Amino acid sequence: MASYPTLKFGVIGIDHRHVYDQVASLLEVGAQCAGYYSNGDVSTLPGFQKRFPDIQRVDDPRRLLDDPSIHLIVTAAIPCDRADIAISAMRHGKDIMVDKPGVTTFEQLEAVRKVQKETGRIFTVNFTERFEVRAVSRATKLVREGRIGKVLQTVGLGPHRLNRHLRPDWFFDPARYGGILTDIASHQIDQFLHFTGCDDARIVTSRYGNLAHPDLPGLQDFGELILSNGPASGYIRVDWFTPDALDSWGDGRLTILGTEGYIELRKYIDICGRSGKDHLFLVNNETAEYIDCSSDELPYYTHILHDIFDRTETAMTHAHGFKVCELALRAQENAEVINEGGM
């Protein structure tokens, strides 16, 4: 096995709680954090400082961008700001890991693509509902082994708890978060391409709306879409309707239908069933079984480390990442806006 130098990274923007997992997972694979920058005392700052008390806060992001010893910049800034941070990082010779959504407009997508091609730097979008879920790691192995035959369809459900009192102002401004399909549904689009092996898809239909929060006009609390490529199809539903009594922020599920069986993932909770996360159910012509995936590996961060030093694309190809961003933007832009009052 190749021996790699210590990966050194900096953080610019901690506005979303996903930054906790990004930083913790990089530290777990042996990386070293050189510092973080936050534009103001955002709501995630106390949680970040509690989790990482030894990481230094810097007063200017240029201290991280100009540091020649830093290989990677990580950002979970406000979604509309992530593209500019990524472009700046790449132009400073850094690779960049962006929390999803990587971009919020087509103009940002084209700008990021252009700079990535010019600089040759790595631009990777951390789709946490695949890269941070051990059950998805196991499902990937099972599908690649042919345990359910050829994948015909994915059904991805991404419900979330609103936690309204904890949300910052940008959370309710679609110009800043990108819209529910650009944002949350990017996870399920990523999983459709990943499990079907498709490199593109057609948006058959998409729609979104604010169905239950008229006092928050900028919130899109429900969205759905269907995409397809040849015989493969995917249905996606995302929403902000997780009830308070559920012992999880969301009952995220994924069903993968194949020609010889199917897999269902209950990623974060098995309602009134087994405790913990990462539940997988496999059904084919030989077995109908439950698999506990809580000990499976999460290879994304190890692959990122290797990619940075080997200049490879094992964690996620740029073609895949950019295609997910493009499809999410297209679904959002062309979506029917649901009228709460009906027809």
C-alpha atoms as a PDB file:
ATOM      1  CA  MET A   1       0.000   0.000   0.000  1.00  0.00           C
ATOM      2  CA  ALA A   2       1.298   3.438  -0.938  1.00  0.00           C
ATOM      3  CA  SER A   3       2.426   5.751   1.829  1.00  0.00           C
ATOM      4  CA  TYR A   4       0.971   9.267   1.692  1.00  0.00           C
ATOM      5  CA  PRO A   5       2.003  12.528   3.340  1.00  0.00           C
ATOM      6  CA  THR A   6      -0.298  14.032   5.952  1.00  0.00           C
ATOM      7  CA  LEU A   7      -3.217  15.730   4.246  1.00  0.00           C
ATOM      8  CA  LYS A   8      -3.583  19.301   5.464  1.00  0.00           C
ATOM      9  CA  PHE A   9      -6.905  21.101   5.031  1.00  0.00           C
ATOM     10  CA  GLY A  10      -8.597  24.367   5.885  1.00  0.00           C
ATOM     11  CA  VAL A  11     -12.280  25.167   6.355  1.00  0.00           C
ATOM     12  CA  ILE A  12     -13.950  28.243   4.853  1.00  0.00           C
ATOM     13  CA  GLY A  13     -17.609  28.528   5.828  1.00  0.00           C
ATOM     14  CA  ILE A  14     -19.323  26.485   8.560  1.00  0.00           C
ATOM     15  CA  ASP A  15     -22.918  27.611   7.999  1.00  0.00           C
ATOM     16  CA  HIS A  16     -24.359  24.087   7.644  1.00  0.00           C
ATOM     17  CA  ARG A  17     -24.053  21.341  10.250  1.00  0.00           C
ATOM     18  CA  HIS A  18     -22.678  18.968   7.601  1.00  0.00           C
ATOM     19  CA  VAL A  19     -19.336  20.613   8.292  1.00  0.00           C
ATOM     20  CA  TYR A  20     -19.121  18.625  11.534  1.00  0.00           C
ATOM     21  CA  ASP A  21     -19.018  15.326   9.633  1.00  0.00           C
ATOM     22  CA  GLN A  22     -16.713  16.692   6.960  1.00  0.00           C
ATOM     23  CA  VAL A  23     -14.098  17.758   9.471  1.00  0.00           C
ATOM     24  CA  ALA A  24     -14.474  14.759  11.803  1.00  0.00           C
ATOM     25  CA  SER A  25     -14.214  12.271   8.937  1.00  0.00           C
ATOM     26  CA  LEU A  26     -11.105  13.918   7.508  1.00  0.00           C
ATOM     27  CA  LEU A  27      -9.485  13.853  10.944  1.00  0.00           C
ATOM     28  CA  GLU A  28     -10.369  10.149  11.243  1.00  0.00           C
ATOM     29  CA  VAL A  29      -8.374   9.290   8.102  1.00  0.00           C
ATOM     30  CA  GLY A  30      -5.343  11.115   9.493  1.00  0.00           C
ATOM     31  CA  ALA A  31      -5.762  14.556   7.956  1.00  0.00           C
ATOM     32  CA  GLN A  32      -4.772  17.705   9.854  1.00  0.00           C
ATOM     33  CA  CYS A  33      -6.884  20.861  10.001  1.00  0.00           C
ATOM     34  CA  ALA A  34      -4.894  24.090   9.668  1.00  0.00           C
ATOM     35  CA  GLY A  35      -7.768  26.320  10.753  1.00  0.00           C
ATOM     36  CA  TYR A  36     -11.235  27.527   9.916  1.00  0.00           C
ATOM     37  CA  TYR A  37     -12.867  30.757   8.848  1.00  0.00           C
ATOM     38  CA  SER A  38     -16.442  31.723   9.656  1.00  0.00           C
ATOM     39  CA  ASN A  39     -18.057  34.907   8.411  1.00  0.00           C
ATOM     40  CA  GLY A  40     -19.596  36.007  11.703  1.00  0.00           C
ATOM     41  CA  ASP A  41     -20.862  34.062  14.691  1.00  0.00           C
ATOM     42  CA  VAL A  42     -23.167  31.692  12.840  1.00  0.00           C
ATOM     43  CA  SER A  43     -25.495  29.287  14.650  1.00  0.00           C
ATOM     44  CA  THR A  44     -23.169  26.338  14.015  1.00  0.00           C
ATOM     45  CA  LEU A  45     -20.165  28.028  15.619  1.00  0.00           C
ATOM     46  CA  PRO A  46     -20.735  26.802  19.232  1.00  0.00           C
ATOM     47  CA  GLY A  47     -21.194  23.247  17.998  1.00  0.00           C
ATOM     48  CA  PHE A  48     -18.057  23.464  15.871  1.00  0.00           C
ATOM     49  CA  GLN A  49     -15.969  24.853  18.724  1.00  0.00           C
ATOM     50  CA  LYS A  50     -17.294  22.192  21.119  1.00  0.00           C
ATOM     51  CA  ARG A  51     -16.454  19.365  18.728  1.00  0.00           C
ATOM     52  CA  PHE A  52     -13.080  20.744  17.614  1.00  0.00           C
ATOM     53  CA  PRO A  53     -11.691  22.881  20.443  1.00  0.00           C
ATOM     54  CA  ASP A  54      -8.110  22.543  19.189  1.00  0.00           C
ATOM     55  CA  ILE A  55      -8.754  23.878  15.687  1.00  0.00           C
ATOM     56  CA  GLN A  56      -7.746  27.518  15.319  1.00  0.00           C
ATOM     57  CA  ARG A  57     -10.151  30.128  13.993  1.00  0.00           C
ATOM     58  CA  VAL A  58      -8.579  32.545  11.496  1.00  0.00           C
ATOM     59  CA  ASP A  59      -9.757  36.097  10.854  1.00  0.00           C
ATOM     60  CA  ASP A  60      -9.278  36.069   7.070  1.00  0.00           C
ATOM     61  CA  PRO A  61      -9.845  33.226   4.581  1.00  0.00           C
ATOM     62  CA  ARG A  62      -6.742  34.352   2.676  1.00  0.00           C
ATOM     63  CA  ARG A  63      -4.643  32.945   5.500  1.00  0.00           C
ATOM     64  CA  LEU A  64      -5.845  29.510   4.442  1.00  0.00           C
ATOM     65  CA  LEU A  65      -5.902  30.116   0.692  1.00  0.00           C
ATOM     66  CA  ASP A  66      -2.366  31.539   0.678  1.00  0.00           C
ATOM     67  CA  ASP A  67      -0.875  28.784   2.857  1.00  0.00           C
ATOM     68  CA  PRO A  68       1.199  26.601   0.492  1.00  0.00           C
ATOM     69  CA  SER A  69       1.119  23.666   2.934  1.00  0.00           C
ATOM     70  CA  ILE A  70      -2.690  23.279   2.653  1.00  0.00           C
ATOM     71  CA  HIS A  71      -3.867  20.736   0.086  1.00  0.00           C
ATOM     72  CA  LEU A  72      -7.634  20.912   0.497  1.00  0.00           C
ATOM     73  CA  ILE A  73     -10.284  23.507   1.305  1.00  0.00           C
ATOM     74  CA  VAL A  74     -13.563  22.313   2.838  1.00  0.00           C
ATOM     75  CA  THR A  75     -16.714  24.411   2.781  1.00  0.00           C
ATOM     76  CA  ALA A  76     -20.241  24.166   4.157  1.00  0.00           C
ATOM     77  CA  ALA A  77     -20.956  27.864   3.647  1.00  0.00           C
ATOM     78  CA  ILE A  78     -24.363  29.241   2.655  1.00  0.00           C
ATOM     79  CA  PRO A  79     -25.166  27.293  -0.551  1.00  0.00           C
ATOM     80  CA  CYS A  80     -25.134  30.320  -2.868  1.00  0.00           C
ATOM     81  CA  ASP A  81     -21.602  31.186  -1.672  1.00  0.00           C
ATOM     82  CA  ARG A  82     -20.026  27.781  -2.221  1.00  0.00           C
ATOM     83  CA  ALA A  83     -19.185  28.182  -5.908  1.00  0.00           C
ATOM     84  CA  ASP A  84     -17.175  31.369  -5.338  1.00  0.00           C
ATOM     85  CA  ILE A  85     -15.272  29.722  -2.482  1.00  0.00           C
ATOM     86  CA  ALA A  86     -14.550  26.706  -4.690  1.00  0.00           C
ATOM     87  CA  ILE A  87     -13.340  28.867  -7.581  1.00  0.00           C
ATOM     88  CA  SER A  88     -11.088  30.878  -5.282  1.00  0.00           C
ATOM     89  CA  ALA A  89      -9.661  27.704  -3.749  1.00  0.00           C
ATOM     90  CA  MET A  90      -8.901  26.126  -7.123  1.00  0.00           C
ATOM     91  CA  ARG A  91      -7.267  29.317  -8.403  1.00  0.00           C
ATOM     92  CA  HIS A  92      -5.071  29.254  -5.300  1.00  0.00           C
ATOM     93  CA  GLY A  93      -3.924  25.730  -6.191  1.00  0.00           C
ATOM     94  CA  LYS A  94      -6.138  23.927  -3.670  1.00  0.00           C
ATOM     95  CA  ASP A  95      -8.497  21.008  -4.119  1.00  0.00           C
ATOM     96  CA  ILE A  96     -11.998  21.647  -2.793  1.00  0.00           C
ATOM     97  CA  MET A  97     -14.662  19.619  -0.975  1.00  0.00           C
ATOM     98  CA  VAL A  98     -18.069  21.285  -1.112  1.00  0.00           C
ATOM     99  CA  ASP A  99     -21.116  20.337   0.911  1.00  0.00           C
ATOM    100  CA  LYS A 100     -24.134  19.714  -1.295  1.00  0.00           C
ATOM    101  CA  PRO A 101     -25.487  21.472  -3.261  1.00  0.00           C
ATOM    102  CA  GLY A 102     -22.215  22.318  -4.922  1.00  0.00           C
ATOM    103  CA  VAL A 103     -23.822  25.171  -6.868  1.00  0.00           C
ATOM    104  CA  THR A 104     -27.181  26.955  -6.892  1.00  0.00           C
ATOM    105  CA  THR A 105     -27.313  28.344 -10.470  1.00  0.00           C
ATOM    106  CA  PHE A 106     -26.362  27.250 -13.974  1.00  0.00           C
ATOM    107  CA  GLU A 107     -23.999  30.231 -14.182  1.00  0.00           C
ATOM    108  CA  GLN A 108     -22.149  28.994 -11.107  1.00  0.00           C
ATOM    109  CA  LEU A 109     -21.987  25.484 -12.534  1.00  0.00           C
ATOM    110  CA  GLU A 110     -20.400  26.662 -15.782  1.00  0.00           C
ATOM    111  CA  ALA A 111     -17.923  28.867 -13.915  1.00  0.00           C
ATOM    112  CA  VAL A 112     -16.863  26.024 -11.622  1.00  0.00           C
ATOM    113  CA  ARG A 113     -16.544  23.608 -14.562  1.00  0.00           C
ATOM    114  CA  LYS A 114     -14.391  26.106 -16.439  1.00  0.00           C
ATOM    115  CA  VAL A 115     -12.021  26.774 -13.546  1.00  0.00           C
ATOM    116  CA  GLN A 116     -11.766  23.079 -12.650  1.00  0.00           C
ATOM    117  CA  LYS A 117     -10.753  22.271 -16.221  1.00  0.00           C
ATOM    118  CA  GLU A 118      -8.280  25.161 -16.354  1.00  0.00           C
ATOM    119  CA  THR A 119      -6.609  24.375 -13.032  1.00  0.00           C
ATOM    120  CA  GLY A 120      -6.878  20.588 -12.919  1.00  0.00           C
ATOM    121  CA  ARG A 121      -7.827  20.814  -9.257  1.00  0.00           C
ATOM    122  CA  ILE A 122     -10.287  18.411  -7.607  1.00  0.00           C
ATOM    123  CA  PHE A 123     -13.844  19.680  -7.103  1.00  0.00           C
ATOM    124  CA  THR A 124     -15.833  17.145  -5.105  1.00  0.00           C
ATOM    125  CA  VAL A 125     -19.370  17.502  -3.768  1.00  0.00           C
ATOM    126  CA  ASN A 126     -19.934  15.641  -0.508  1.00  0.00           C
ATOM    127  CA  PHE A 127     -23.292  13.923  -0.994  1.00  0.00           C
ATOM    128  CA  THR A 128     -23.659  12.907   2.633  1.00  0.00           C
ATOM    129  CA  GLU A 129     -26.660  10.618   2.096  1.00  0.00           C
ATOM    130  CA  ARG A 130     -24.329   8.325   0.126  1.00  0.00           C
ATOM    131  CA  PHE A 131     -20.854   9.065   1.429  1.00  0.00           C
ATOM    132  CA  GLU A 132     -21.807   9.242   5.120  1.00  0.00           C
ATOM    133  CA  VAL A 133     -24.201   6.247   5.184  1.00  0.00           C
ATOM    134  CA  ARG A 134     -22.703   2.822   5.846  1.00  0.00           C
ATOM    135  CA  ALA A 135     -25.764   1.011   4.512  1.00  0.00           C
ATOM    136  CA  VAL A 136     -25.144   2.650   1.131  1.00  0.00           C
ATOM    137  CA  SER A 137     -21.586   1.305   1.161  1.00  0.00           C
ATOM    138  CA  ARG A 138     -22.945  -2.211   1.655  1.00  0.00           C
ATOM    139  CA  ALA A 139     -25.671  -1.721  -0.953  1.00  0.00           C
ATOM    140  CA  THR A 140     -23.020  -0.642  -3.459  1.00  0.00           C
ATOM    141  CA  LYS A 141     -21.105  -3.883  -2.894  1.00  0.00           C
ATOM    142  CA  LEU A 142     -24.254  -6.000  -3.196  1.00  0.00           C
ATOM    143  CA  VAL A 143     -25.324  -4.323  -6.421  1.00  0.00           C
ATOM    144  CA  ARG A 144     -21.819  -4.586  -7.918  1.00  0.00           C
ATOM    145  CA  GLU A 145     -21.809  -8.300  -7.019  1.00  0.00           C
ATOM    146  CA  GLY A 146     -25.007  -8.748  -9.024  1.00  0.00           C
ATOM    147  CA  ARG A 147     -27.094  -9.817  -6.034  1.00  0.00           C
ATOM    148  CA  ILE A 148     -30.257  -8.172  -7.412  1.00  0.00           C
ATOM    149  CA  GLY A 149     -29.445  -8.359 -11.125  1.00  0.00           C
ATOM    150  CA  LYS A 150     -29.597  -5.273 -13.313  1.00  0.00           C
ATOM    151  CA  VAL A 151     -30.917  -2.202 -11.524  1.00  0.00           C
ATOM    152  CA  LEU A 152     -34.195  -0.984 -13.000  1.00  0.00           C
ATOM    153  CA  GLN A 153     -35.349   1.668 -10.559  1.00  0.00           C
ATOM    154  CA  THR A 154     -34.434   3.619  -7.456  1.00  0.00           C
ATOM    155  CA  VAL A 155     -36.963   5.162  -5.097  1.00  0.00           C
ATOM    156  CA  GLY A 156     -35.294   7.728  -2.871  1.00  0.00           C
ATOM    157  CA  LEU A 157     -37.079   9.407   0.028  1.00  0.00           C
ATOM    158  CA  GLY A 158     -35.457  12.350   1.782  1.00  0.00           C
ATOM    159  CA  PRO A 159     -37.706  13.646   4.571  1.00  0.00           C
ATOM    160  CA  HIS A 160     -36.242  16.194   7.002  1.00  0.00           C
ATOM    161  CA  ARG A 161     -37.294  17.816  10.266  1.00  0.00           C
ATOM    162  CA  LEU A 162     -37.769  21.557   9.851  1.00  0.00           C
ATOM    163  CA  ASN A 163     -36.475  22.631  13.289  1.00  0.00           C
ATOM    164  CA  ARG A 164     -37.734  26.061  12.384  1.00  0.00           C
ATOM    165  CA  HIS A 165     -36.440  27.789  15.512  1.00  0.00           C
ATOM    166  CA  LEU A 166     -32.876  26.691  14.730  1.00  0.00           C
ATOM    167  CA  ARG A 167     -32.784  27.779  11.099  1.00  0.00           C
ATOM    168  CA  PRO A 168     -30.962  30.934   9.962  1.00  0.00           C
ATOM    169  CA  ASP A 169     -32.566  33.464   7.622  1.00  0.00           C
ATOM    170  CA  TRP A 170     -30.849  32.094   4.495  1.00  0.00           C
ATOM    171  CA  PHE A 171     -32.620  28.775   4.993  1.00  0.00           C
ATOM    172  CA  PHE A 172     -35.919  30.413   3.970  1.00  0.00           C
ATOM    173  CA  ASP A 173     -34.562  32.270   0.914  1.00  0.00           C
ATOM    174  CA  PRO A 174     -34.537  30.116  -2.262  1.00  0.00           C
ATOM    175  CA  ALA A 175     -32.056  32.476  -3.908  1.00  0.00           C
ATOM    176  CA  ARG A 176     -29.587  31.524  -1.169  1.00  0.00           C
ATOM    177  CA  TYR A 177     -30.315  27.812  -0.648  1.00  0.00           C
ATOM    178  CA  GLY A 178     -31.149  27.050  -4.270  1.00  0.00           C
ATOM    179  CA  GLY A 179     -34.578  25.470  -3.882  1.00  0.00           C
ATOM    180  CA  ILE A 180     -35.571  22.105  -2.439  1.00  0.00           C
ATOM    181  CA  LEU A 181     -34.807  20.105  -5.609  1.00  0.00           C
ATOM    182  CA  THR A 182     -31.430  21.760  -6.179  1.00  0.00           C
ATOM    183  CA  ASP A 183     -30.566  21.225  -2.535  1.00  0.00           C
ATOM    184  CA  ILE A 184     -31.977  18.054  -1.001  1.00  0.00           C
ATOM    185  CA  ALA A 185     -32.902  16.116  -4.144  1.00  0.00           C
ATOM    186  CA  SER A 186     -29.293  16.263  -5.342  1.00  0.00           C
ATOM    187  CA  HIS A 187     -28.678  13.387  -2.893  1.00  0.00           C
ATOM    188  CA  GLN A 188     -31.207  11.118  -4.555  1.00  0.00           C
ATOM    189  CA  ILE A 189     -30.141  12.100  -8.078  1.00  0.00           C
ATOM    190  CA  ASP A 190     -26.603  11.136  -7.114  1.00  0.00           C
ATOM    191  CA  GLN A 191     -27.831   7.755  -5.877  1.00  0.00           C
ATOM    192  CA  PHE A 192     -29.863   7.117  -9.043  1.00  0.00           C
ATOM    193  CA  LEU A 193     -26.818   7.631 -11.277  1.00  0.00           C
ATOM    194  CA  HIS A 194     -24.593   5.694  -8.882  1.00  0.00           C
ATOM    195  CA  PHE A 195     -26.733   2.562  -8.620  1.00  0.00           C
ATOM    196  CA  THR A 196     -28.016   2.408 -12.196  1.00  0.00           C
ATOM    197  CA  GLY A 197     -24.606   3.157 -13.696  1.00  0.00           C
ATOM    198  CA  CYS A 198     -26.130   5.856 -15.896  1.00  0.00           C
ATOM    199  CA  ASP A 199     -24.014   8.863 -16.831  1.00  0.00           C
ATOM    200  CA  ASP A 200     -27.017  11.060 -17.646  1.00  0.00           C
ATOM    201  CA  ALA A 201     -30.791  11.166 -17.204  1.00  0.00           C
ATOM    202  CA  ARG A 202     -33.919  12.854 -18.471  1.00  0.00           C
ATOM    203  CA  ILE A 203     -36.117  14.753 -16.036  1.00  0.00           C
ATOM    204  CA  VAL A 204     -39.542  13.299 -16.850  1.00  0.00           C
ATOM    205  CA  THR A 205     -41.361  15.580 -14.435  1.00  0.00           C
ATOM    206  CA  SER A 206     -40.619  17.654 -11.360  1.00  0.00           C
ATOM    207  CA  ARG A 207     -42.576  19.859  -9.000  1.00  0.00           C
ATOM    208  CA  TYR A 208     -42.282  21.612  -5.670  1.00  0.00           C
ATOM    209  CA  GLY A 209     -44.358  23.793  -3.403  1.00  0.00           C
ATOM    210  CA  ASN A 210     -44.969  25.324  -0.013  1.00  0.00           C
ATOM    211  CA  LEU A 211     -47.869  23.194   1.199  1.00  0.00           C
ATOM    212  CA  ALA A 212     -48.084  23.965   4.902  1.00  0.00           C
ATOM    213  CA  HIS A 213     -46.048  27.061   5.802  1.00  0.00           C
ATOM    214  CA  PRO A 214     -47.785  30.145   4.333  1.00  0.00           C
ATOM    215  CA  ASP A 215     -46.031  32.374   6.859  1.00  0.00           C
ATOM    216  CA  LEU A 216     -42.677  31.307   5.356  1.00  0.00           C
ATOM    217  CA  PRO A 217     -43.172  32.118   1.677  1.00  0.00           C
ATOM    218  CA  GLY A 218     -39.563  31.361   0.752  1.00  0.00           C
ATOM    219  CA  LEU A 219     -39.688  27.815   2.111  1.00  0.00           C
ATOM    220  CA  GLN A 220     -40.274  24.958  -0.310  1.00  0.00           C
ATOM    221  CA  ASP A 221     -41.445  22.223   2.034  1.00  0.00           C
ATOM    222  CA  PHE A 222     -42.227  19.516  -0.564  1.00  0.00           C
ATOM    223  CA  GLY A 223     -40.659  18.401  -3.822  1.00  0.00           C
ATOM    224  CA  GLU A 224     -40.713  15.385  -6.102  1.00  0.00           C
ATOM    225  CA  LEU A 225     -39.369  14.321  -9.462  1.00  0.00           C
ATOM    226  CA  ILE A 226     -39.043  11.390 -11.823  1.00  0.00           C
ATOM    227  CA  LEU A 227     -35.964  10.811 -13.958  1.00  0.00           C
ATOM    228  CA  SER A 228     -35.118   8.128 -16.482  1.00  0.00           C
ATOM    229  CA  ASN A 229     -32.479   6.738 -18.786  1.00  0.00           C
ATOM    230  CA  GLY A 230     -33.598   3.924 -21.067  1.00  0.00           C
ATOM    231  CA  PRO A 231     -35.203   1.210 -18.928  1.00  0.00           C
ATOM    232  CA  ALA A 232     -33.915   2.759 -15.685  1.00  0.00           C
ATOM    233  CA  SER A 233     -36.087   5.165 -13.729  1.00  0.00           C
ATOM    234  CA  GLY A 234     -35.957   6.966 -10.426  1.00  0.00           C
ATOM    235  CA  TYR A 235     -38.617   8.494  -8.209  1.00  0.00           C
ATOM    236  CA  ILE A 236     -37.548  11.081  -5.649  1.00  0.00           C
ATOM    237  CA  ARG A 237     -39.519  12.711  -2.837  1.00  0.00           C
ATOM    238  CA  VAL A 238     -38.030  15.290  -0.486  1.00  0.00           C
ATOM    239  CA  ASP A 239     -39.794  17.271   2.215  1.00  0.00           C
ATOM    240  CA  TRP A 240     -39.664  19.109   5.535  1.00  0.00           C
ATOM    241  CA  PHE A 241     -42.449  17.172   7.279  1.00  0.00           C
ATOM    242  CA  THR A 242     -40.630  14.844   9.695  1.00  0.00           C
ATOM    243  CA  PRO A 243     -42.791  14.796  12.874  1.00  0.00           C
ATOM    244  CA  ASP A 244     -41.234  15.760  16.189  1.00  0.00           C
ATOM    245  CA  ALA A 245     -41.939  12.363  17.763  1.00  0.00           C
ATOM    246  CA  LEU A 246     -39.578  10.548  15.390  1.00  0.00           C
ATOM    247  CA  ASP A 247     -36.255   9.742  17.055  1.00  0.00           C
ATOM    248  CA  SER A 248     -34.295  10.988  14.050  1.00  0.00           C
ATOM    249  CA  TRP A 249     -34.123  14.092  11.880  1.00  0.00           C
ATOM    250  CA  GLY A 250     -35.581  12.069   8.994  1.00  0.00           C
ATOM    251  CA  ASP A 251     -36.656   8.582   7.976  1.00  0.00           C
ATOM    252  CA  GLY A 252     -34.446   8.512   4.888  1.00  0.00           C
ATOM    253  CA  ARG A 253     -35.037   5.468   2.708  1.00  0.00           C
ATOM    254  CA  LEU A 254     -33.796   4.058  -0.562  1.00  0.00           C
ATOM    255  CA  THR A 255     -35.270   1.129  -2.489  1.00  0.00           C
ATOM    256  CA  ILE A 256     -33.237  -0.345  -5.340  1.00  0.00           C
ATOM    257  CA  LEU A 257     -35.214  -2.608  -7.676  1.00  0.00           C
ATOM    258  CA  GLY A 258     -33.324  -5.089  -9.816  1.00  0.00           C
ATOM    259  CA  THR A 259     -34.258  -7.777 -12.309  1.00  0.00           C
ATOM    260  CA  GLU A 260     -33.521 -10.481  -9.724  1.00  0.00           C
ATOM    261  CA  GLY A 261     -34.383  -8.871  -6.411  1.00  0.00           C
ATOM    262  CA  TYR A 262     -34.439  -5.651  -4.453  1.00  0.00           C
ATOM    263  CA  ILE A 263     -32.691  -3.836  -1.628  1.00  0.00           C
ATOM    264  CA  GLU A 264     -34.293  -1.466   0.847  1.00  0.00           C
ATOM    265  CA  LEU A 265     -32.231   0.847   3.019  1.00  0.00           C
ATOM    266  CA  ARG A 266     -33.582   2.450   6.168  1.00  0.00           C
ATOM    267  CA  LYS A 267     -30.678   4.795   6.624  1.00  0.00           C
ATOM    268  CA  TYR A 268     -31.292   6.582   9.890  1.00  0.00           C
ATOM    269  CA  ILE A 269     -34.014   4.735  11.774  1.00  0.00           C
ATOM    270  CA  ASP A 270     -36.070   1.522  11.653  1.00  0.00           C
ATOM    271  CA  ILE A 271     -39.431   2.734  12.933  1.00  0.00           C
ATOM    272  CA  CYS A 272     -40.526   0.705  15.977  1.00  0.00           C
ATOM    273  CA  GLY A 273     -37.928  -1.900  15.008  1.00  0.00           C
ATOM    274  CA  ARG A 274     -34.195  -2.348  15.428  1.00  0.00           C
ATOM    275  CA  SER A 275     -32.256   0.422  17.139  1.00  0.00           C
ATOM    276  CA  GLY A 276     -29.559   2.524  15.541  1.00  0.00           C
ATOM    277  CA  LYS A 277     -28.919   3.388  11.912  1.00  0.00           C
ATOM    278  CA  ASP A 278     -27.814   1.683   8.681  1.00  0.00           C
ATOM    279  CA  HIS A 279     -30.448  -1.017   8.230  1.00  0.00           C
ATOM    280  CA  LEU A 280     -30.481  -2.983   4.952  1.00  0.00           C
ATOM    281  CA  PHE A 281     -32.957  -5.552   3.673  1.00  0.00           C
ATOM    282  CA  LEU A 282     -31.970  -7.818   0.782  1.00  0.00           C
ATOM    283  CA  VAL A 283     -34.484  -9.951  -1.114  1.00  0.00           C
ATOM    284  CA  ASN A 284     -33.609 -12.102  -4.131  1.00  0.00           C
ATOM    285  CA  ASN A 285     -34.278 -15.628  -5.387  1.00  0.00           C
ATOM    286  CA  GLU A 286     -32.031 -17.193  -2.719  1.00  0.00           C
ATOM    287  CA  THR A 287     -32.576 -15.085   0.387  1.00  0.00           C
ATOM    288  CA  ALA A 288     -34.749 -12.590   2.222  1.00  0.00           C
ATOM    289  CA  GLU A 289     -32.554 -11.181   4.953  1.00  0.00           C
ATOM    290  CA  TYR A 290     -31.732  -8.260   7.190  1.00  0.00           C
ATOM    291  CA  ILE A 291     -28.155  -6.922   7.226  1.00  0.00           C
ATOM    292  CA  ASP A 292     -26.782  -4.677   9.961  1.00  0.00           C
ATOM    293  CA  CYS A 293     -24.423  -2.271   8.189  1.00  0.00           C
ATOM    294  CA  SER A 294     -23.339  -0.259  11.218  1.00  0.00           C
ATOM    295  CA  SER A 295     -19.763  -1.556  10.967  1.00  0.00           C
ATOM    296  CA  ASP A 296     -19.314  -1.081   7.219  1.00  0.00           C
ATOM    297  CA  GLU A 297     -16.668   1.321   6.013  1.00  0.00           C
ATOM    298  CA  LEU A 298     -17.160   4.824   4.606  1.00  0.00           C
ATOM    299  CA  PRO A 299     -14.537   4.907   1.851  1.00  0.00           C
ATOM    300  CA  TYR A 300     -15.147   8.419   0.497  1.00  0.00           C
ATOM    301  CA  TYR A 301     -12.622  10.222   2.687  1.00  0.00           C
ATOM    302  CA  THR A 302      -9.879   7.655   2.195  1.00  0.00           C
ATOM    303  CA  HIS A 303     -10.463   7.895  -1.543  1.00  0.00           C
ATOM    304  CA  ILE A 304     -10.272  11.691  -1.382  1.00  0.00           C
ATOM    305  CA  LEU A 305      -6.913  11.456   0.372  1.00  0.00           C
ATOM    306  CA  HIS A 306      -5.609   9.110  -2.308  1.00  0.00           C
ATOM    307  CA  ASP A 307      -7.037  11.249  -5.115  1.00  0.00           C
ATOM    308  CA  ILE A 308      -5.333  14.382  -3.820  1.00  0.00           C
ATOM    309  CA  PHE A 309      -1.903  12.774  -3.816  1.00  0.00           C
ATOM    310  CA  ASP A 310      -2.359  10.456  -6.824  1.00  0.00           C
ATOM    311  CA  ARG A 311      -4.387  12.964  -8.931  1.00  0.00           C
ATOM    312  CA  THR A 312      -7.067  10.349  -9.560  1.00  0.00           C
ATOM    313  CA  GLU A 313     -10.896  10.354  -9.342  1.00  0.00           C
ATOM    314  CA  THR A 314     -11.709   7.344  -7.177  1.00  0.00           C
ATOM    315  CA  ALA A 315     -13.995   9.125  -4.684  1.00  0.00           C
ATOM    316  CA  MET A 316     -16.229  10.568  -7.412  1.00  0.00           C
ATOM    317  CA  THR A 317     -15.527  11.563 -10.993  1.00  0.00           C
ATOM    318  CA  HIS A 318     -15.942  15.173 -12.019  1.00  0.00           C
ATOM    319  CA  ALA A 319     -18.280  14.052 -14.781  1.00  0.00           C
ATOM    320  CA  HIS A 320     -20.581  12.458 -12.207  1.00  0.00           C
ATOM    321  CA  GLY A 321     -20.495  15.359  -9.754  1.00  0.00           C
ATOM    322  CA  PHE A 322     -21.170  17.975 -12.402  1.00  0.00           C
ATOM    323  CA  LYS A 323     -23.965  15.891 -13.925  1.00  0.00           C
ATOM    324  CA  VAL A 324     -25.744  15.605 -10.563  1.00  0.00           C
ATOM    325  CA  CYS A 325     -25.530  19.376 -10.124  1.00  0.00           C
ATOM    326  CA  GLU A 326     -26.837  19.921 -13.657  1.00  0.00           C
ATOM    327  CA  LEU A 327     -29.797  17.562 -13.260  1.00  0.00           C
ATOM    328  CA  ALA A 328     -30.784  19.038  -9.898  1.00  0.00           C
ATOM    329  CA  LEU A 329     -30.702  22.554 -11.345  1.00  0.00           C
ATOM    330  CA  ARG A 330     -32.732  21.434 -14.357  1.00  0.00           C
ATOM    331  CA  ALA A 331     -35.339  19.743 -12.160  1.00  0.00           C
ATOM    332  CA  GLN A 332     -35.653  22.918 -10.086  1.00  0.00           C
ATOM    333  CA  GLU A 333     -35.780  25.321 -13.019  1.00  0.00           C
ATOM    334  CA  ASN A 334     -38.395  23.385 -15.000  1.00  0.00           C
ATOM    335  CA  ALA A 335     -40.523  22.276 -12.056  1.00  0.00           C
ATOM    336  CA  GLU A 336     -44.232  22.821 -11.764  1.00  0.00           C
ATOM    337  CA  VAL A 337     -44.965  24.985  -8.753  1.00  0.00           C
ATOM    338  CA  ILE A 338     -47.676  23.284  -6.720  1.00  0.00           C
ATOM    339  CA  ASN A 339     -50.638  25.456  -5.856  1.00  0.00           C
ATOM    340  CA  GLU A 340     -51.718  24.716  -2.292  1.00  0.00           C
ATOM    341  CA  GLY A 341     -55.292  25.380  -3.244  1.00  0.00           C
ATOM    342  CA  GLY A 342     -55.342  22.694  -5.909  1.00  0.00           C
ATOM    343  CA  MET A 343     -56.393  23.056  -9.574  1.00  0.00           C
END
